Amino acid sequence: MNQLVLEPVKLSYDVEEEIKTLRTSLQFFRNDKRVIMLTSCISGEGKSNTAYSVALSLAAIDKKVLLIDADMRKAKSVVRISVGKPEKGLSHFLSGQAAMKDIVSATNIPNFYFVAAGPVPPDTTELLSGDLFGKMITALRDIYDFIIIDTSPLGLVVDAAIIAEHCDGAIMMIESGKIKYRFAQEVKQKLEKTGCTIMGVVLNKVNWKTSGKYYGKYYGKYYGNYYGSPYGGADEK
């Protein structure tokens, strides 16, 4: 297994507290909700940073966590590596160029493991539609307490809907003030058609000054429904 040394993740106090709240909310779900995907309507809404931060937060409370970068359409990972390099990634495995054991990397962070996306394939949808992705998730369920999957924006491509069929739950990332209600509903309906449980929505990049303190701290009626997260800067994924 590859060994990676990751750069420290620096979060503001407010963001760290929101991530902890999201982590706690995930723990309120039944134990069968262990394979969780994050998607968004479009790129730049912060899903990759959130997936990474939540995975690290779960590992910090002694949960064995695997983060899978399944957004194979991009060439850059949100995971910053200072020492080492994933030799193989998800696209290698799905195209038959690597075994599953060859794509999982251990890290210097206890309980945290990572699968890189790998090189951008010519047809991502075709790779995900094959049998290998589902078989991989089935095998990994017996090893990890949580599997967090970062997917492509469902509002742009169908990849996340294919992945959702193999997940226990899905979280939608929505950027405050940017995504129209109707568009968000269309993405939600796509997720519902897969049969995957929608565990909640993360409302990201909330303008706390204009929205007010109460709005930023309002999490909805149920755990896992809404999170006001002051991420501020644009995420590339």
C-alpha atoms as a PDB file:
ATOM      1  CA  MET A   1       0.000   0.000   0.000  1.00  0.00           C
ATOM      2  CA  ASN A   2       1.320   3.463  -0.889  1.00  0.00           C
ATOM      3  CA  GLN A   3       2.155   5.830   1.971  1.00  0.00           C
ATOM      4  CA  LEU A   4       1.356   9.530   1.523  1.00  0.00           C
ATOM      5  CA  VAL A   5       2.214  12.513   3.690  1.00  0.00           C
ATOM      6  CA  LEU A   6      -0.536  15.116   3.466  1.00  0.00           C
ATOM      7  CA  GLU A   7      -0.218  18.834   3.967  1.00  0.00           C
ATOM      8  CA  PRO A   8      -2.085  20.161   7.022  1.00  0.00           C
ATOM      9  CA  VAL A   9      -5.619  21.409   6.379  1.00  0.00           C
ATOM     10  CA  LYS A  10      -6.157  24.876   7.818  1.00  0.00           C
ATOM     11  CA  LEU A  11      -9.759  25.777   8.599  1.00  0.00           C
ATOM     12  CA  SER A  12     -11.128  28.811  10.353  1.00  0.00           C
ATOM     13  CA  TYR A  13     -12.809  28.226  13.693  1.00  0.00           C
ATOM     14  CA  ASP A  14     -16.281  28.753  12.193  1.00  0.00           C
ATOM     15  CA  VAL A  15     -15.706  26.317   9.329  1.00  0.00           C
ATOM     16  CA  GLU A  16     -14.216  23.700  11.641  1.00  0.00           C
ATOM     17  CA  GLU A  17     -17.277  23.904  13.861  1.00  0.00           C
ATOM     18  CA  GLU A  18     -19.592  23.487  10.863  1.00  0.00           C
ATOM     19  CA  ILE A  19     -17.644  20.406   9.734  1.00  0.00           C
ATOM     20  CA  LYS A  20     -17.959  18.930  13.213  1.00  0.00           C
ATOM     21  CA  THR A  21     -21.695  19.592  13.112  1.00  0.00           C
ATOM     22  CA  LEU A  22     -21.965  17.801   9.780  1.00  0.00           C
ATOM     23  CA  ARG A  23     -19.917  14.913  11.162  1.00  0.00           C
ATOM     24  CA  THR A  24     -22.194  14.633  14.179  1.00  0.00           C
ATOM     25  CA  SER A  25     -25.261  14.698  11.967  1.00  0.00           C
ATOM     26  CA  LEU A  26     -23.915  11.825   9.873  1.00  0.00           C
ATOM     27  CA  GLN A  27     -23.446   9.796  13.034  1.00  0.00           C
ATOM     28  CA  PHE A  28     -27.133  10.216  13.894  1.00  0.00           C
ATOM     29  CA  PHE A  29     -28.069   8.160  10.858  1.00  0.00           C
ATOM     30  CA  ARG A  30     -28.358   4.392  11.149  1.00  0.00           C
ATOM     31  CA  ASN A  31     -25.215   2.295  10.902  1.00  0.00           C
ATOM     32  CA  ASP A  32     -26.139   1.238   7.366  1.00  0.00           C
ATOM     33  CA  LYS A  33     -25.410   4.773   6.110  1.00  0.00           C
ATOM     34  CA  ARG A  34     -21.666   4.331   5.726  1.00  0.00           C
ATOM     35  CA  VAL A  35     -21.015   4.888   2.013  1.00  0.00           C
ATOM     36  CA  ILE A  36     -21.773   8.561   1.422  1.00  0.00           C
ATOM     37  CA  MET A  37     -21.321  10.612  -1.723  1.00  0.00           C
ATOM     38  CA  LEU A  38     -21.158  14.376  -2.119  1.00  0.00           C
ATOM     39  CA  THR A  39     -22.301  16.121  -5.265  1.00  0.00           C
ATOM     40  CA  SER A  40     -23.345  19.592  -6.381  1.00  0.00           C
ATOM     41  CA  CYS A  41     -25.273  21.332  -9.114  1.00  0.00           C
ATOM     42  CA  ILE A  42     -22.232  22.897 -10.769  1.00  0.00           C
ATOM     43  CA  SER A  43     -18.499  23.093 -10.144  1.00  0.00           C
ATOM     44  CA  GLY A  44     -17.079  25.515  -7.606  1.00  0.00           C
ATOM     45  CA  GLU A  45     -19.662  24.976  -4.861  1.00  0.00           C
ATOM     46  CA  GLY A  46     -17.186  23.487  -2.391  1.00  0.00           C
ATOM     47  CA  LYS A  47     -18.093  19.793  -2.437  1.00  0.00           C
ATOM     48  CA  SER A  48     -14.506  18.511  -2.729  1.00  0.00           C
ATOM     49  CA  ASN A  49     -13.224  20.596   0.175  1.00  0.00           C
ATOM     50  CA  THR A  50     -16.213  19.507   2.243  1.00  0.00           C
ATOM     51  CA  ALA A  51     -15.763  15.826   1.388  1.00  0.00           C
ATOM     52  CA  TYR A  52     -12.099  16.021   2.344  1.00  0.00           C
ATOM     53  CA  SER A  53     -12.744  17.922   5.565  1.00  0.00           C
ATOM     54  CA  VAL A  54     -15.553  15.603   6.682  1.00  0.00           C
ATOM     55  CA  ALA A  55     -13.426  12.519   5.970  1.00  0.00           C
ATOM     56  CA  LEU A  56     -10.567  13.977   8.039  1.00  0.00           C
ATOM     57  CA  SER A  57     -12.973  14.893  10.827  1.00  0.00           C
ATOM     58  CA  LEU A  58     -14.354  11.348  10.985  1.00  0.00           C
ATOM     59  CA  ALA A  59     -10.829   9.936  11.082  1.00  0.00           C
ATOM     60  CA  ALA A  60     -10.050  12.249  14.001  1.00  0.00           C
ATOM     61  CA  ILE A  61     -12.652  10.447  16.145  1.00  0.00           C
ATOM     62  CA  ASP A  62     -11.117   7.036  15.405  1.00  0.00           C
ATOM     63  CA  LYS A  63     -13.314   6.080  12.471  1.00  0.00           C
ATOM     64  CA  LYS A  64     -11.485   4.233   9.715  1.00  0.00           C
ATOM     65  CA  VAL A  65     -12.266   6.357   6.664  1.00  0.00           C
ATOM     66  CA  LEU A  66     -11.620   6.051   2.945  1.00  0.00           C
ATOM     67  CA  LEU A  67     -11.972   9.118   0.737  1.00  0.00           C
ATOM     68  CA  ILE A  68     -12.514   8.269  -2.940  1.00  0.00           C
ATOM     69  CA  ASP A  69     -11.971  10.996  -5.510  1.00  0.00           C
ATOM     70  CA  ALA A  70     -14.478   9.790  -8.098  1.00  0.00           C
ATOM     71  CA  ASP A  71     -14.570  13.069 -10.006  1.00  0.00           C
ATOM     72  CA  MET A  72     -12.411  11.644 -12.793  1.00  0.00           C
ATOM     73  CA  ARG A  73     -13.201  14.496 -15.181  1.00  0.00           C
ATOM     74  CA  LYS A  74     -10.811  16.858 -13.409  1.00  0.00           C
ATOM     75  CA  ALA A  75      -7.042  16.622 -13.335  1.00  0.00           C
ATOM     76  CA  LYS A  76      -6.424  18.236  -9.940  1.00  0.00           C
ATOM     77  CA  SER A  77      -7.185  16.751  -6.538  1.00  0.00           C
ATOM     78  CA  VAL A  78      -8.250  18.734  -3.495  1.00  0.00           C
ATOM     79  CA  VAL A  79      -6.012  16.460  -1.379  1.00  0.00           C
ATOM     80  CA  ARG A  80      -2.649  18.187  -1.010  1.00  0.00           C
ATOM     81  CA  ILE A  81       0.261  15.727  -0.817  1.00  0.00           C
ATOM     82  CA  SER A  82       3.701  16.846   0.345  1.00  0.00           C
ATOM     83  CA  VAL A  83       5.490  13.477   0.259  1.00  0.00           C
ATOM     84  CA  GLY A  84       4.669  10.540  -2.023  1.00  0.00           C
ATOM     85  CA  LYS A  85       2.389  10.202  -5.016  1.00  0.00           C
ATOM     86  CA  PRO A  86      -0.468   7.809  -5.780  1.00  0.00           C
ATOM     87  CA  GLU A  87       0.944   5.490  -8.426  1.00  0.00           C
ATOM     88  CA  LYS A  88      -2.496   4.358  -9.585  1.00  0.00           C
ATOM     89  CA  GLY A  89      -5.982   5.820  -9.306  1.00  0.00           C
ATOM     90  CA  LEU A  90      -9.645   4.988  -9.767  1.00  0.00           C
ATOM     91  CA  SER A  91      -9.517   5.303 -13.543  1.00  0.00           C
ATOM     92  CA  HIS A  92      -6.670   2.756 -13.628  1.00  0.00           C
ATOM     93  CA  PHE A  93      -8.754   0.268 -11.653  1.00  0.00           C
ATOM     94  CA  LEU A  94     -11.971   0.736 -13.614  1.00  0.00           C
ATOM     95  CA  SER A  95     -10.117   0.332 -16.911  1.00  0.00           C
ATOM     96  CA  GLY A  96      -8.446  -2.891 -15.773  1.00  0.00           C
ATOM     97  CA  GLN A  97      -4.950  -1.407 -15.419  1.00  0.00           C
ATOM     98  CA  ALA A  98      -4.616  -1.876 -11.655  1.00  0.00           C
ATOM     99  CA  ALA A  99      -5.873  -4.065  -8.834  1.00  0.00           C
ATOM    100  CA  MET A 100      -7.950  -2.586  -6.024  1.00  0.00           C
ATOM    101  CA  LYS A 101      -5.093  -2.958  -3.536  1.00  0.00           C
ATOM    102  CA  ASP A 102      -2.897  -0.830  -5.794  1.00  0.00           C
ATOM    103  CA  ILE A 103      -5.130   2.251  -5.758  1.00  0.00           C
ATOM    104  CA  VAL A 104      -5.675   2.640  -1.999  1.00  0.00           C
ATOM    105  CA  SER A 105      -3.057   4.799  -0.255  1.00  0.00           C
ATOM    106  CA  ALA A 106      -2.415   5.019   3.466  1.00  0.00           C
ATOM    107  CA  THR A 107      -1.520   8.454   4.843  1.00  0.00           C
ATOM    108  CA  ASN A 108       0.341   9.997   7.754  1.00  0.00           C
ATOM    109  CA  ILE A 109      -3.065  10.775   9.285  1.00  0.00           C
ATOM    110  CA  PRO A 110      -4.273   7.865  11.442  1.00  0.00           C
ATOM    111  CA  ASN A 111      -7.404   6.107  10.097  1.00  0.00           C
ATOM    112  CA  PHE A 112      -7.409   8.151   6.866  1.00  0.00           C
ATOM    113  CA  TYR A 113      -7.006   6.444   3.476  1.00  0.00           C
ATOM    114  CA  PHE A 114      -7.283   7.859  -0.006  1.00  0.00           C
ATOM    115  CA  VAL A 115      -8.072   6.756  -3.564  1.00  0.00           C
ATOM    116  CA  ALA A 116      -7.026   9.283  -6.200  1.00  0.00           C
ATOM    117  CA  ALA A 117      -9.078   9.816  -9.351  1.00  0.00           C
ATOM    118  CA  GLY A 118      -6.203   8.878 -11.657  1.00  0.00           C
ATOM    119  CA  PRO A 119      -5.692  10.235 -15.176  1.00  0.00           C
ATOM    120  CA  VAL A 120      -8.738  11.628 -16.965  1.00  0.00           C
ATOM    121  CA  PRO A 121     -10.231   8.754 -19.011  1.00  0.00           C
ATOM    122  CA  PRO A 122     -11.765   9.198 -22.479  1.00  0.00           C
ATOM    123  CA  ASP A 123     -15.220   8.050 -21.265  1.00  0.00           C
ATOM    124  CA  THR A 124     -15.822   8.422 -17.548  1.00  0.00           C
ATOM    125  CA  THR A 125     -19.491   7.458 -17.726  1.00  0.00           C
ATOM    126  CA  GLU A 126     -18.724   4.176 -19.457  1.00  0.00           C
ATOM    127  CA  LEU A 127     -16.137   3.226 -16.829  1.00  0.00           C
ATOM    128  CA  LEU A 128     -18.525   3.948 -13.959  1.00  0.00           C
ATOM    129  CA  SER A 129     -21.339   2.032 -15.666  1.00  0.00           C
ATOM    130  CA  GLY A 130     -19.356  -1.219 -15.648  1.00  0.00           C
ATOM    131  CA  ASP A 131     -19.378  -3.830 -12.899  1.00  0.00           C
ATOM    132  CA  LEU A 132     -16.074  -2.944 -11.285  1.00  0.00           C
ATOM    133  CA  PHE A 133     -17.137   0.162  -9.369  1.00  0.00           C
ATOM    134  CA  GLY A 134     -19.984  -1.616  -7.584  1.00  0.00           C
ATOM    135  CA  LYS A 135     -17.804  -4.636  -6.789  1.00  0.00           C
ATOM    136  CA  MET A 136     -15.127  -2.341  -5.392  1.00  0.00           C
ATOM    137  CA  ILE A 137     -17.561  -0.583  -3.041  1.00  0.00           C
ATOM    138  CA  THR A 138     -18.960  -3.929  -1.872  1.00  0.00           C
ATOM    139  CA  ALA A 139     -15.465  -5.156  -1.002  1.00  0.00           C
ATOM    140  CA  LEU A 140     -14.432  -1.930   0.737  1.00  0.00           C
ATOM    141  CA  ARG A 141     -17.525  -1.896   2.971  1.00  0.00           C
ATOM    142  CA  ASP A 142     -15.978  -4.685   5.045  1.00  0.00           C
ATOM    143  CA  ILE A 143     -12.803  -2.679   5.670  1.00  0.00           C
ATOM    144  CA  TYR A 144     -13.822   0.906   6.463  1.00  0.00           C
ATOM    145  CA  ASP A 145     -16.245   2.507   8.911  1.00  0.00           C
ATOM    146  CA  PHE A 146     -17.028   5.264   6.393  1.00  0.00           C
ATOM    147  CA  ILE A 147     -16.435   5.648   2.676  1.00  0.00           C
ATOM    148  CA  ILE A 148     -16.752   9.250   1.490  1.00  0.00           C
ATOM    149  CA  ILE A 149     -17.022   9.689  -2.281  1.00  0.00           C
ATOM    150  CA  ASP A 150     -16.395  12.985  -4.030  1.00  0.00           C
ATOM    151  CA  THR A 151     -18.332  12.966  -7.320  1.00  0.00           C
ATOM    152  CA  SER A 152     -18.775  15.186 -10.359  1.00  0.00           C
ATOM    153  CA  PRO A 153     -21.500  17.885 -10.271  1.00  0.00           C
ATOM    154  CA  LEU A 154     -24.794  16.143 -11.028  1.00  0.00           C
ATOM    155  CA  GLY A 155     -26.179  19.266 -12.622  1.00  0.00           C
ATOM    156  CA  LEU A 156     -23.558  19.008 -15.363  1.00  0.00           C
ATOM    157  CA  VAL A 157     -22.924  15.274 -15.963  1.00  0.00           C
ATOM    158  CA  VAL A 158     -24.593  11.982 -15.084  1.00  0.00           C
ATOM    159  CA  ASP A 159     -21.623  10.369 -13.291  1.00  0.00           C
ATOM    160  CA  ALA A 160     -22.884  11.074  -9.760  1.00  0.00           C
ATOM    161  CA  ALA A 161     -26.220   9.396 -10.505  1.00  0.00           C
ATOM    162  CA  ILE A 162     -24.405   6.205 -11.489  1.00  0.00           C
ATOM    163  CA  ILE A 163     -22.287   6.316  -8.340  1.00  0.00           C
ATOM    164  CA  ALA A 164     -25.364   6.986  -6.191  1.00  0.00           C
ATOM    165  CA  GLU A 165     -26.729   3.544  -7.025  1.00  0.00           C
ATOM    166  CA  HIS A 166     -23.893   2.043  -4.964  1.00  0.00           C
ATOM    167  CA  CYS A 167     -24.113   4.474  -2.022  1.00  0.00           C
ATOM    168  CA  ASP A 168     -26.125   4.470   1.189  1.00  0.00           C
ATOM    169  CA  GLY A 169     -26.698   8.197   1.134  1.00  0.00           C
ATOM    170  CA  ALA A 170     -25.987  11.420  -0.735  1.00  0.00           C
ATOM    171  CA  ILE A 171     -25.305  14.986   0.345  1.00  0.00           C
ATOM    172  CA  MET A 172     -25.969  17.902  -1.984  1.00  0.00           C
ATOM    173  CA  MET A 173     -23.720  20.938  -1.877  1.00  0.00           C
ATOM    174  CA  ILE A 174     -25.396  24.219  -2.826  1.00  0.00           C
ATOM    175  CA  GLU A 175     -23.687  27.604  -2.979  1.00  0.00           C
ATOM    176  CA  SER A 176     -25.767  30.274  -1.300  1.00  0.00           C
ATOM    177  CA  GLY A 177     -27.118  32.912  -3.668  1.00  0.00           C
ATOM    178  CA  LYS A 178     -25.801  31.207  -6.792  1.00  0.00           C
ATOM    179  CA  ILE A 179     -28.014  28.198  -7.529  1.00  0.00           C
ATOM    180  CA  LYS A 180     -31.614  28.769  -8.563  1.00  0.00           C
ATOM    181  CA  TYR A 181     -34.332  26.878  -6.717  1.00  0.00           C
ATOM    182  CA  ARG A 182     -35.604  25.139  -9.855  1.00  0.00           C
ATOM    183  CA  PHE A 183     -32.120  23.950 -10.817  1.00  0.00           C
ATOM    184  CA  ALA A 184     -31.534  22.553  -7.330  1.00  0.00           C
ATOM    185  CA  GLN A 185     -34.871  20.727  -7.515  1.00  0.00           C
ATOM    186  CA  GLU A 186     -33.891  19.174 -10.847  1.00  0.00           C
ATOM    187  CA  VAL A 187     -30.647  17.854  -9.368  1.00  0.00           C
ATOM    188  CA  LYS A 188     -32.531  16.573  -6.318  1.00  0.00           C
ATOM    189  CA  GLN A 189     -34.958  14.704  -8.579  1.00  0.00           C
ATOM    190  CA  LYS A 190     -32.070  13.077 -10.437  1.00  0.00           C
ATOM    191  CA  LEU A 191     -30.741  11.797  -7.127  1.00  0.00           C
ATOM    192  CA  GLU A 192     -34.156  10.556  -6.037  1.00  0.00           C
ATOM    193  CA  LYS A 193     -34.497   8.497  -9.207  1.00  0.00           C
ATOM    194  CA  THR A 194     -31.382   6.513  -8.256  1.00  0.00           C
ATOM    195  CA  GLY A 195     -33.026   5.285  -5.046  1.00  0.00           C
ATOM    196  CA  CYS A 196     -30.178   6.698  -2.955  1.00  0.00           C
ATOM    197  CA  THR A 197     -31.235   8.387   0.279  1.00  0.00           C
ATOM    198  CA  ILE A 198     -30.665  12.148   0.233  1.00  0.00           C
ATOM    199  CA  MET A 199     -29.207  12.701   3.682  1.00  0.00           C
ATOM    200  CA  GLY A 200     -29.261  16.467   3.458  1.00  0.00           C
ATOM    201  CA  VAL A 201     -28.020  19.652   1.875  1.00  0.00           C
ATOM    202  CA  VAL A 202     -24.955  21.707   2.749  1.00  0.00           C
ATOM    203  CA  LEU A 203     -25.576  25.389   2.118  1.00  0.00           C
ATOM    204  CA  ASN A 204     -22.114  26.741   1.414  1.00  0.00           C
ATOM    205  CA  LYS A 205     -20.453  30.152   1.084  1.00  0.00           C
ATOM    206  CA  VAL A 206     -23.130  31.909   3.089  1.00  0.00           C
ATOM    207  CA  ASN A 207     -22.611  35.663   3.353  1.00  0.00           C
ATOM    208  CA  TRP A 208     -22.901  36.013   7.102  1.00  0.00           C
ATOM    209  CA  LYS A 209     -22.932  39.812   7.034  1.00  0.00           C
ATOM    210  CA  THR A 210     -25.970  40.081   4.777  1.00  0.00           C
ATOM    211  CA  SER A 211     -27.752  36.883   5.860  1.00  0.00           C
ATOM    212  CA  GLY A 212     -27.514  37.482   9.566  1.00  0.00           C
ATOM    213  CA  LYS A 213     -26.205  35.363  12.410  1.00  0.00           C
ATOM    214  CA  TYR A 214     -29.454  33.454  12.836  1.00  0.00           C
ATOM    215  CA  TYR A 215     -29.516  32.380   9.171  1.00  0.00           C
ATOM    216  CA  GLY A 216     -25.929  31.194   9.322  1.00  0.00           C
ATOM    217  CA  LYS A 217     -26.595  29.064  12.368  1.00  0.00           C
ATOM    218  CA  TYR A 218     -29.917  27.584  11.262  1.00  0.00           C
ATOM    219  CA  TYR A 219     -29.670  23.882  10.511  1.00  0.00           C
ATOM    220  CA  GLY A 220     -33.246  23.055   9.615  1.00  0.00           C
ATOM    221  CA  LYS A 221     -35.803  20.961  11.420  1.00  0.00           C
ATOM    222  CA  TYR A 222     -33.892  17.694  11.178  1.00  0.00           C
ATOM    223  CA  TYR A 223     -30.252  16.774  11.582  1.00  0.00           C
ATOM    224  CA  GLY A 224     -28.473  16.718   8.250  1.00  0.00           C
ATOM    225  CA  ASN A 225     -30.833  19.038   6.412  1.00  0.00           C
ATOM    226  CA  TYR A 226     -29.098  22.427   6.188  1.00  0.00           C
ATOM    227  CA  TYR A 227     -25.729  23.827   7.165  1.00  0.00           C
ATOM    228  CA  GLY A 228     -24.651  27.429   6.813  1.00  0.00           C
ATOM    229  CA  SER A 229     -20.915  27.092   6.063  1.00  0.00           C
ATOM    230  CA  PRO A 230     -18.771  30.209   5.666  1.00  0.00           C
ATOM    231  CA  TYR A 231     -16.227  28.766   3.243  1.00  0.00           C
ATOM    232  CA  GLY A 232     -15.841  32.064   1.433  1.00  0.00           C
ATOM    233  CA  GLY A 233     -13.230  31.392  -1.282  1.00  0.00           C
ATOM    234  CA  ALA A 234     -14.137  29.427  -4.397  1.00  0.00           C
ATOM    235  CA  ASP A 235     -13.378  25.737  -4.507  1.00  0.00           C
ATOM    236  CA  GLU A 236     -11.994  24.502  -7.803  1.00  0.00           C
ATOM    237  CA  LYS A 237     -14.068  21.356  -7.769  1.00  0.00           C
END
